[in-house]
Amino acid sequence: MEPQYKLSRHLKVLRQAGLLSAVKDGRWVYHRLVQGVPHLDRLFDMLKALPDSDSLFATDLANFQNRMCLREGGRCRLGIQTRTLAVEGE
């Protein structure tokens, strides 16, 4: 797993490129793909065509889907590093 600062840096680059939007809610920041970005579908098609010989993408996708199932009311409730429930308003 990548350190948090690397992930934050990558997300910042994607926001600056106009591909992501971000909304802060307490200690969480929710990122979304920006709709209507030209050529985004072609970018996804290229990414899907990349080989996954070590199954890293498949593993990451499964981990992501598991994390999304832990949400309550569309919001994160469980911290990634500590696995403790998030307290409302923190």
PDB file of N, CA and C in Angstrom:
ATOM      1  N   MET A   1       0.849  -1.176   0.000  1.00  0.00           N
ATOM      2  CA  MET A   1       0.000   0.000   0.000  1.00  0.00           C
ATOM      3  C   MET A   1       0.896   1.242   0.000  1.00  0.00           C
ATOM      4  N   GLU A   2       0.506   2.222  -0.792  1.00  0.00           N
ATOM      5  CA  GLU A   2       1.263   3.474  -0.902  1.00  0.00           C
ATOM      6  C   GLU A   2       1.039   4.340   0.333  1.00  0.00           C
ATOM      7  N   PRO A   3       2.058   5.107   0.727  1.00  0.00           N
ATOM      8  CA  PRO A   3       1.874   6.043   1.848  1.00  0.00           C
ATOM      9  C   PRO A   3       0.841   7.117   1.494  1.00  0.00           C
ATOM     10  N   GLN A   4       0.165   7.625   2.509  1.00  0.00           N
ATOM     11  CA  GLN A   4      -0.895   8.614   2.325  1.00  0.00           C
ATOM     12  C   GLN A   4      -0.415   9.837   1.541  1.00  0.00           C
ATOM     13  N   TYR A   5       0.807  10.319   1.819  1.00  0.00           N
ATOM     14  CA  TYR A   5       1.271  11.531   1.148  1.00  0.00           C
ATOM     15  C   TYR A   5       1.409  11.330  -0.363  1.00  0.00           C
ATOM     16  N   LYS A   6       1.759  10.115  -0.797  1.00  0.00           N
ATOM     17  CA  LYS A   6       1.862   9.855  -2.234  1.00  0.00           C
ATOM     18  C   LYS A   6       0.484   9.879  -2.880  1.00  0.00           C
ATOM     19  N   LEU A   7      -0.475   9.271  -2.226  1.00  0.00           N
ATOM     20  CA  LEU A   7      -1.833   9.269  -2.741  1.00  0.00           C
ATOM     21  C   LEU A   7      -2.372  10.687  -2.822  1.00  0.00           C
ATOM     22  N   SER A   8      -2.142  11.482  -1.783  1.00  0.00           N
ATOM     23  CA  SER A   8      -2.602  12.874  -1.782  1.00  0.00           C
ATOM     24  C   SER A   8      -1.985  13.656  -2.931  1.00  0.00           C
ATOM     25  N   ARG A   9      -0.722  13.414  -3.188  1.00  0.00           N
ATOM     26  CA  ARG A   9      -0.037  14.116  -4.281  1.00  0.00           C
ATOM     27  C   ARG A   9      -0.641  13.731  -5.634  1.00  0.00           C
ATOM     28  N   HIS A  10      -0.917  12.445  -5.836  1.00  0.00           N
ATOM     29  CA  HIS A  10      -1.518  11.994  -7.090  1.00  0.00           C
ATOM     30  C   HIS A  10      -2.922  12.576  -7.263  1.00  0.00           C
ATOM     31  N   LEU A  11      -3.698  12.590  -6.190  1.00  0.00           N
ATOM     32  CA  LEU A  11      -5.042  13.163  -6.265  1.00  0.00           C
ATOM     33  C   LEU A  11      -4.979  14.650  -6.593  1.00  0.00           C
ATOM     34  N   LYS A  12      -4.011  15.359  -6.036  1.00  0.00           N
ATOM     35  CA  LYS A  12      -3.848  16.790  -6.320  1.00  0.00           C
ATOM     36  C   LYS A  12      -3.570  17.021  -7.807  1.00  0.00           C
ATOM     37  N   VAL A  13      -2.722  16.199  -8.391  1.00  0.00           N
ATOM     38  CA  VAL A  13      -2.419  16.318  -9.821  1.00  0.00           C
ATOM     39  C   VAL A  13      -3.679  16.093 -10.650  1.00  0.00           C
ATOM     40  N   LEU A  14      -4.477  15.100 -10.281  1.00  0.00           N
ATOM     41  CA  LEU A  14      -5.719  14.823 -11.009  1.00  0.00           C
ATOM     42  C   LEU A  14      -6.725  15.962 -10.862  1.00  0.00           C
ATOM     43  N   ARG A  15      -6.783  16.581  -9.668  1.00  0.00           N
ATOM     44  CA  ARG A  15      -7.663  17.747  -9.475  1.00  0.00           C
ATOM     45  C   ARG A  15      -7.184  18.918 -10.327  1.00  0.00           C
ATOM     46  N   GLN A  16      -5.881  19.175 -10.330  1.00  0.00           N
ATOM     47  CA  GLN A  16      -5.330  20.280 -11.113  1.00  0.00           C
ATOM     48  C   GLN A  16      -5.540  20.069 -12.611  1.00  0.00           C
ATOM     49  N   ALA A  17      -5.587  18.824 -13.043  1.00  0.00           N
ATOM     50  CA  ALA A  17      -5.831  18.516 -14.449  1.00  0.00           C
ATOM     51  C   ALA A  17      -7.311  18.622 -14.805  1.00  0.00           C
ATOM     52  N   GLY A  18      -8.168  18.851 -13.795  1.00  0.00           N
ATOM     53  CA  GLY A  18      -9.596  18.986 -14.043  1.00  0.00           C
ATOM     54  C   GLY A  18     -10.332  17.673 -14.163  1.00  0.00           C
ATOM     55  N   LEU A  19      -9.706  16.580 -13.735  1.00  0.00           N
ATOM     56  CA  LEU A  19     -10.341  15.267 -13.826  1.00  0.00           C
ATOM     57  C   LEU A  19     -11.122  14.894 -12.579  1.00  0.00           C
ATOM     58  N   LEU A  20     -10.752  15.465 -11.433  1.00  0.00           N
ATOM     59  CA  LEU A  20     -11.407  15.165 -10.159  1.00  0.00           C
ATOM     60  C   LEU A  20     -11.914  16.439  -9.510  1.00  0.00           C
ATOM     61  N   SER A  21     -13.003  16.297  -8.772  1.00  0.00           N
ATOM     62  CA  SER A  21     -13.442  17.351  -7.856  1.00  0.00           C
ATOM     63  C   SER A  21     -13.322  16.779  -6.448  1.00  0.00           C
ATOM     64  N   ALA A  22     -13.235  17.657  -5.461  1.00  0.00           N
ATOM     65  CA  ALA A  22     -13.066  17.200  -4.079  1.00  0.00           C
ATOM     66  C   ALA A  22     -13.950  18.021  -3.158  1.00  0.00           C
ATOM     67  N   VAL A  23     -14.563  17.344  -2.183  1.00  0.00           N
ATOM     68  CA  VAL A  23     -15.385  17.998  -1.167  1.00  0.00           C
ATOM     69  C   VAL A  23     -14.910  17.501   0.188  1.00  0.00           C
ATOM     70  N   LYS A  24     -14.564  18.420   1.068  1.00  0.00           N
ATOM     71  CA  LYS A  24     -14.107  18.062   2.417  1.00  0.00           C
ATOM     72  C   LYS A  24     -15.319  17.971   3.342  1.00  0.00           C
ATOM     73  N   ASP A  25     -15.356  16.920   4.148  1.00  0.00           N
ATOM     74  CA  ASP A  25     -16.435  16.712   5.112  1.00  0.00           C
ATOM     75  C   ASP A  25     -15.787  16.187   6.389  1.00  0.00           C
ATOM     76  N   GLY A  26     -15.536  17.093   7.335  1.00  0.00           N
ATOM     77  CA  GLY A  26     -14.829  16.702   8.551  1.00  0.00           C
ATOM     78  C   GLY A  26     -13.407  16.309   8.210  1.00  0.00           C
ATOM     79  N   ARG A  27     -13.004  15.112   8.635  1.00  0.00           N
ATOM     80  CA  ARG A  27     -11.637  14.673   8.333  1.00  0.00           C
ATOM     81  C   ARG A  27     -11.536  13.940   7.001  1.00  0.00           C
ATOM     82  N   TRP A  28     -12.637  13.749   6.340  1.00  0.00           N
ATOM     83  CA  TRP A  28     -12.661  13.033   5.075  1.00  0.00           C
ATOM     84  C   TRP A  28     -12.696  14.015   3.915  1.00  0.00           C
ATOM     85  N   VAL A  29     -12.101  13.617   2.798  1.00  0.00           N
ATOM     86  CA  VAL A  29     -12.220  14.345   1.537  1.00  0.00           C
ATOM     87  C   VAL A  29     -12.770  13.348   0.526  1.00  0.00           C
ATOM     88  N   TYR A  30     -13.901  13.706  -0.068  1.00  0.00           N
ATOM     89  CA  TYR A  30     -14.550  12.844  -1.047  1.00  0.00           C
ATOM     90  C   TYR A  30     -14.205  13.344  -2.443  1.00  0.00           C
ATOM     91  N   HIS A  31     -13.633  12.466  -3.265  1.00  0.00           N
ATOM     92  CA  HIS A  31     -13.240  12.804  -4.628  1.00  0.00           C
ATOM     93  C   HIS A  31     -14.216  12.162  -5.601  1.00  0.00           C
ATOM     94  N   ARG A  32     -14.496  12.904  -6.669  1.00  0.00           N
ATOM     95  CA  ARG A  32     -15.367  12.392  -7.734  1.00  0.00           C
ATOM     96  C   ARG A  32     -14.746  12.725  -9.076  1.00  0.00           C
ATOM     97  N   LEU A  33     -15.006  11.865 -10.051  1.00  0.00           N
ATOM     98  CA  LEU A  33     -14.618  12.194 -11.412  1.00  0.00           C
ATOM     99  C   LEU A  33     -15.493  13.338 -11.902  1.00  0.00           C
ATOM    100  N   VAL A  34     -14.892  14.283 -12.592  1.00  0.00           N
ATOM    101  CA  VAL A  34     -15.638  15.392 -13.177  1.00  0.00           C
ATOM    102  C   VAL A  34     -16.337  14.864 -14.426  1.00  0.00           C
ATOM    103  N   GLN A  35     -17.631  15.116 -14.531  1.00  0.00           N
ATOM    104  CA  GLN A  35     -18.405  14.653 -15.677  1.00  0.00           C
ATOM    105  C   GLN A  35     -18.154  15.554 -16.884  1.00  0.00           C
ATOM    106  N   GLY A  36     -18.215  14.971 -18.066  1.00  0.00           N
ATOM    107  CA  GLY A  36     -18.099  15.748 -19.297  1.00  0.00           C
ATOM    108  C   GLY A  36     -16.681  16.105 -19.698  1.00  0.00           C
ATOM    109  N   VAL A  37     -15.686  15.461 -19.099  1.00  0.00           N
ATOM    110  CA  VAL A  37     -14.294  15.732 -19.480  1.00  0.00           C
ATOM    111  C   VAL A  37     -14.038  15.075 -20.839  1.00  0.00           C
ATOM    112  N   PRO A  38     -13.584  15.874 -21.830  1.00  0.00           N
ATOM    113  CA  PRO A  38     -13.329  15.297 -23.158  1.00  0.00           C
ATOM    114  C   PRO A  38     -12.294  14.173 -23.091  1.00  0.00           C
ATOM    115  N   HIS A  39     -12.538  13.133 -23.841  1.00  0.00           N
ATOM    116  CA  HIS A  39     -11.607  12.011 -24.015  1.00  0.00           C
ATOM    117  C   HIS A  39     -11.444  11.131 -22.774  1.00  0.00           C
ATOM    118  N   LEU A  40     -12.220  11.352 -21.714  1.00  0.00           N
ATOM    119  CA  LEU A  40     -12.075  10.528 -20.516  1.00  0.00           C
ATOM    120  C   LEU A  40     -12.434   9.068 -20.798  1.00  0.00           C
ATOM    121  N   ASP A  41     -13.459   8.846 -21.618  1.00  0.00           N
ATOM    122  CA  ASP A  41     -13.835   7.471 -21.964  1.00  0.00           C
ATOM    123  C   ASP A  41     -12.692   6.755 -22.677  1.00  0.00           C
ATOM    124  N   ARG A  42     -11.993   7.469 -23.550  1.00  0.00           N
ATOM    125  CA  ARG A  42     -10.862   6.855 -24.253  1.00  0.00           C
ATOM    126  C   ARG A  42      -9.728   6.532 -23.284  1.00  0.00           C
ATOM    127  N   LEU A  43      -9.517   7.398 -22.296  1.00  0.00           N
ATOM    128  CA  LEU A  43      -8.503   7.122 -21.283  1.00  0.00           C
ATOM    129  C   LEU A  43      -8.851   5.850 -20.508  1.00  0.00           C
ATOM    130  N   PHE A  44     -10.131   5.711 -20.123  1.00  0.00           N
ATOM    131  CA  PHE A  44     -10.565   4.499 -19.415  1.00  0.00           C
ATOM    132  C   PHE A  44     -10.367   3.259 -20.281  1.00  0.00           C
ATOM    133  N   ASP A  45     -10.684   3.377 -21.572  1.00  0.00           N
ATOM    134  CA  ASP A  45     -10.496   2.239 -22.475  1.00  0.00           C
ATOM    135  C   ASP A  45      -9.026   1.829 -22.538  1.00  0.00           C
ATOM    136  N   MET A  46      -8.123   2.814 -22.576  1.00  0.00           N
ATOM    137  CA  MET A  46      -6.686   2.500 -22.591  1.00  0.00           C
ATOM    138  C   MET A  46      -6.263   1.821 -21.293  1.00  0.00           C
ATOM    139  N   LEU A  47      -6.768   2.315 -20.160  1.00  0.00           N
ATOM    140  CA  LEU A  47      -6.416   1.710 -18.874  1.00  0.00           C
ATOM    141  C   LEU A  47      -6.930   0.278 -18.771  1.00  0.00           C
ATOM    142  N   LYS A  48      -8.150   0.047 -19.267  1.00  0.00           N
ATOM    143  CA  LYS A  48      -8.718  -1.303 -19.224  1.00  0.00           C
ATOM    144  C   LYS A  48      -7.935  -2.280 -20.092  1.00  0.00           C
ATOM    145  N   ALA A  49      -7.297  -1.757 -21.144  1.00  0.00           N
ATOM    146  CA  ALA A  49      -6.559  -2.614 -22.075  1.00  0.00           C
ATOM    147  C   ALA A  49      -5.176  -2.996 -21.552  1.00  0.00           C
ATOM    148  N   LEU A  50      -4.704  -2.339 -20.502  1.00  0.00           N
ATOM    149  CA  LEU A  50      -3.386  -2.661 -19.953  1.00  0.00           C
ATOM    150  C   LEU A  50      -3.393  -4.064 -19.346  1.00  0.00           C
ATOM    151  N   PRO A  51      -2.317  -4.814 -19.541  1.00  0.00           N
ATOM    152  CA  PRO A  51      -2.264  -6.159 -18.941  1.00  0.00           C
ATOM    153  C   PRO A  51      -2.181  -6.077 -17.416  1.00  0.00           C
ATOM    154  N   ASP A  52      -2.784  -7.055 -16.770  1.00  0.00           N
ATOM    155  CA  ASP A  52      -2.760  -7.138 -15.303  1.00  0.00           C
ATOM    156  C   ASP A  52      -2.137  -8.478 -14.920  1.00  0.00           C
ATOM    157  N   SER A  53      -0.930  -8.710 -15.424  1.00  0.00           N
ATOM    158  CA  SER A  53      -0.293 -10.021 -15.268  1.00  0.00           C
ATOM    159  C   SER A  53      -0.024 -10.395 -13.815  1.00  0.00           C
ATOM    160  N   ASP A  54       0.175  -9.405 -12.949  1.00  0.00           N
ATOM    161  CA  ASP A  54       0.421  -9.714 -11.536  1.00  0.00           C
ATOM    162  C   ASP A  54      -0.843  -9.583 -10.683  1.00  0.00           C
ATOM    163  N   SER A  55      -1.981  -9.326 -11.327  1.00  0.00           N
ATOM    164  CA  SER A  55      -3.294  -9.199 -10.673  1.00  0.00           C
ATOM    165  C   SER A  55      -3.358  -8.040  -9.680  1.00  0.00           C
ATOM    166  N   LEU A  56      -2.450  -7.084  -9.787  1.00  0.00           N
ATOM    167  CA  LEU A  56      -2.451  -5.942  -8.874  1.00  0.00           C
ATOM    168  C   LEU A  56      -3.721  -5.105  -9.034  1.00  0.00           C
ATOM    169  N   PHE A  57      -4.111  -4.833 -10.284  1.00  0.00           N
ATOM    170  CA  PHE A  57      -5.320  -4.045 -10.506  1.00  0.00           C
ATOM    171  C   PHE A  57      -6.546  -4.775  -9.974  1.00  0.00           C
ATOM    172  N   ALA A  58      -6.645  -6.059 -10.249  1.00  0.00           N
ATOM    173  CA  ALA A  58      -7.795  -6.842  -9.779  1.00  0.00           C
ATOM    174  C   ALA A  58      -7.863  -6.831  -8.255  1.00  0.00           C
ATOM    175  N   THR A  59      -6.716  -6.934  -7.597  1.00  0.00           N
ATOM    176  CA  THR A  59      -6.669  -6.895  -6.131  1.00  0.00           C
ATOM    177  C   THR A  59      -7.086  -5.525  -5.612  1.00  0.00           C
ATOM    178  N   ASP A  60      -6.549  -4.464  -6.234  1.00  0.00           N
ATOM    179  CA  ASP A  60      -6.919  -3.106  -5.826  1.00  0.00           C
ATOM    180  C   ASP A  60      -8.409  -2.859  -6.016  1.00  0.00           C
ATOM    181  N   LEU A  61      -8.959  -3.331  -7.132  1.00  0.00           N
ATOM    182  CA  LEU A  61     -10.387  -3.153  -7.395  1.00  0.00           C
ATOM    183  C   LEU A  61     -11.226  -3.885  -6.351  1.00  0.00           C
ATOM    184  N   ALA A  62     -10.845  -5.102  -5.999  1.00  0.00           N
ATOM    185  CA  ALA A  62     -11.577  -5.856  -4.973  1.00  0.00           C
ATOM    186  C   ALA A  62     -11.495  -5.148  -3.623  1.00  0.00           C
ATOM    187  N   ASN A  63     -10.312  -4.633  -3.264  1.00  0.00           N
ATOM    188  CA  ASN A  63     -10.165  -3.886  -2.008  1.00  0.00           C
ATOM    189  C   ASN A  63     -11.029  -2.634  -2.014  1.00  0.00           C
ATOM    190  N   PHE A  64     -11.056  -1.932  -3.147  1.00  0.00           N
ATOM    191  CA  PHE A  64     -11.889  -0.734  -3.272  1.00  0.00           C
ATOM    192  C   PHE A  64     -13.367  -1.081  -3.087  1.00  0.00           C
ATOM    193  N   GLN A  65     -13.818  -2.125  -3.749  1.00  0.00           N
ATOM    194  CA  GLN A  65     -15.225  -2.517  -3.641  1.00  0.00           C
ATOM    195  C   GLN A  65     -15.576  -2.920  -2.210  1.00  0.00           C
ATOM    196  N   ASN A  66     -14.668  -3.595  -1.518  1.00  0.00           N
ATOM    197  CA  ASN A  66     -14.902  -3.946  -0.113  1.00  0.00           C
ATOM    198  C   ASN A  66     -15.021  -2.699   0.752  1.00  0.00           C
ATOM    199  N   ARG A  67     -14.148  -1.702   0.510  1.00  0.00           N
ATOM    200  CA  ARG A  67     -14.200  -0.447   1.277  1.00  0.00           C
ATOM    201  C   ARG A  67     -15.513   0.285   1.033  1.00  0.00           C
ATOM    202  N   MET A  68     -15.973   0.294  -0.199  1.00  0.00           N
ATOM    203  CA  MET A  68     -17.216   0.997  -0.520  1.00  0.00           C
ATOM    204  C   MET A  68     -18.403   0.360   0.201  1.00  0.00           C
ATOM    205  N   CYS A  69     -18.350  -0.944   0.422  1.00  0.00           N
ATOM    206  CA  CYS A  69     -19.425  -1.635   1.142  1.00  0.00           C
ATOM    207  C   CYS A  69     -19.479  -1.239   2.617  1.00  0.00           C
ATOM    208  N   LEU A  70     -18.388  -0.709   3.159  1.00  0.00           N
ATOM    209  CA  LEU A  70     -18.344  -0.310   4.569  1.00  0.00           C
ATOM    210  C   LEU A  70     -18.945   1.068   4.815  1.00  0.00           C
ATOM    211  N   ARG A  71     -19.273   1.790   3.764  1.00  0.00           N
ATOM    212  CA  ARG A  71     -19.833   3.130   3.930  1.00  0.00           C
ATOM    213  C   ARG A  71     -21.234   3.062   4.523  1.00  0.00           C
ATOM    214  N   GLU A  72     -21.575   4.109   5.246  1.00  0.00           N
ATOM    215  CA  GLU A  72     -22.924   4.250   5.796  1.00  0.00           C
ATOM    216  C   GLU A  72     -23.481   5.567   5.296  1.00  0.00           C
ATOM    217  N   GLY A  73     -24.602   5.495   4.581  1.00  0.00           N
ATOM    218  CA  GLY A  73     -25.201   6.710   4.040  1.00  0.00           C
ATOM    219  C   GLY A  73     -24.285   7.423   3.057  1.00  0.00           C
ATOM    220  N   GLY A  74     -23.467   6.652   2.331  1.00  0.00           N
ATOM    221  CA  GLY A  74     -22.560   7.233   1.359  1.00  0.00           C
ATOM    222  C   GLY A  74     -21.315   7.858   1.953  1.00  0.00           C
ATOM    223  N   ARG A  75     -21.102   7.691   3.253  1.00  0.00           N
ATOM    224  CA  ARG A  75     -19.959   8.324   3.921  1.00  0.00           C
ATOM    225  C   ARG A  75     -19.039   7.271   4.540  1.00  0.00           C
ATOM    226  N   CYS A  76     -17.745   7.615   4.567  1.00  0.00           N
ATOM    227  CA  CYS A  76     -16.759   6.741   5.206  1.00  0.00           C
ATOM    228  C   CYS A  76     -17.023   6.698   6.705  1.00  0.00           C
ATOM    229  N   ARG A  77     -16.934   5.509   7.283  1.00  0.00           N
ATOM    230  CA  ARG A  77     -17.123   5.362   8.724  1.00  0.00           C
ATOM    231  C   ARG A  77     -15.955   4.639   9.377  1.00  0.00           C
ATOM    232  N   LEU A  78     -15.057   4.110   8.589  1.00  0.00           N
ATOM    233  CA  LEU A  78     -13.972   3.298   9.115  1.00  0.00           C
ATOM    234  C   LEU A  78     -12.652   3.834   8.585  1.00  0.00           C
ATOM    235  N   GLY A  79     -11.728   4.169   9.489  1.00  0.00           N
ATOM    236  CA  GLY A  79     -10.421   4.671   9.075  1.00  0.00           C
ATOM    237  C   GLY A  79      -9.595   3.585   8.407  1.00  0.00           C
ATOM    238  N   ILE A  80      -8.847   3.945   7.388  1.00  0.00           N
ATOM    239  CA  ILE A  80      -8.075   2.963   6.627  1.00  0.00           C
ATOM    240  C   ILE A  80      -6.902   2.403   7.423  1.00  0.00           C
ATOM    241  N   GLN A  81      -6.163   3.248   8.160  1.00  0.00           N
ATOM    242  CA  GLN A  81      -4.996   2.747   8.878  1.00  0.00           C
ATOM    243  C   GLN A  81      -5.354   2.109  10.218  1.00  0.00           C
ATOM    244  N   THR A  82      -6.261   2.734  10.958  1.00  0.00           N
ATOM    245  CA  THR A  82      -6.534   2.253  12.308  1.00  0.00           C
ATOM    246  C   THR A  82      -7.728   1.319  12.388  1.00  0.00           C
ATOM    247  N   ARG A  83      -8.534   1.319  11.344  1.00  0.00           N
ATOM    248  CA  ARG A  83      -9.762   0.528  11.326  1.00  0.00           C
ATOM    249  C   ARG A  83     -10.685   0.880  12.490  1.00  0.00           C
ATOM    250  N   THR A  84     -10.685   2.142  12.880  1.00  0.00           N
ATOM    251  CA  THR A  84     -11.605   2.604  13.915  1.00  0.00           C
ATOM    252  C   THR A  84     -12.712   3.405  13.260  1.00  0.00           C
ATOM    253  N   LEU A  85     -13.873   3.378  13.876  1.00  0.00           N
ATOM    254  CA  LEU A  85     -14.995   4.120  13.329  1.00  0.00           C
ATOM    255  C   LEU A  85     -14.730   5.612  13.393  1.00  0.00           C
ATOM    256  N   ALA A  86     -15.077   6.297  12.315  1.00  0.00           N
ATOM    257  CA  ALA A  86     -14.940   7.752  12.285  1.00  0.00           C
ATOM    258  C   ALA A  86     -16.013   8.363  13.169  1.00  0.00           C
ATOM    259  N   VAL A  87     -15.645   9.384  13.907  1.00  0.00           N
ATOM    260  CA  VAL A  87     -16.585  10.086  14.767  1.00  0.00           C
ATOM    261  C   VAL A  87     -17.142  11.262  13.989  1.00  0.00           C
ATOM    262  N   GLU A  88     -18.448  11.422  14.015  1.00  0.00           N
ATOM    263  CA  GLU A  88     -19.121  12.499  13.300  1.00  0.00           C
ATOM    264  C   GLU A  88     -18.515  13.840  13.681  1.00  0.00           C
ATOM    265  N   GLY A  89     -18.167  14.661  12.662  1.00  0.00           N
ATOM    266  CA  GLY A  89     -17.670  16.008  12.903  1.00  0.00           C
ATOM    267  C   GLY A  89     -16.173  16.111  13.090  1.00  0.00           C
ATOM    268  N   GLU A  90     -15.444  15.015  13.050  1.00  0.00           N
ATOM    269  CA  GLU A  90     -13.974  15.073  13.200  1.00  0.00           C
ATOM    270  C   GLU A  90     -13.336  15.281  11.861  1.00  0.00           C
TER     271      GLU A  90
END
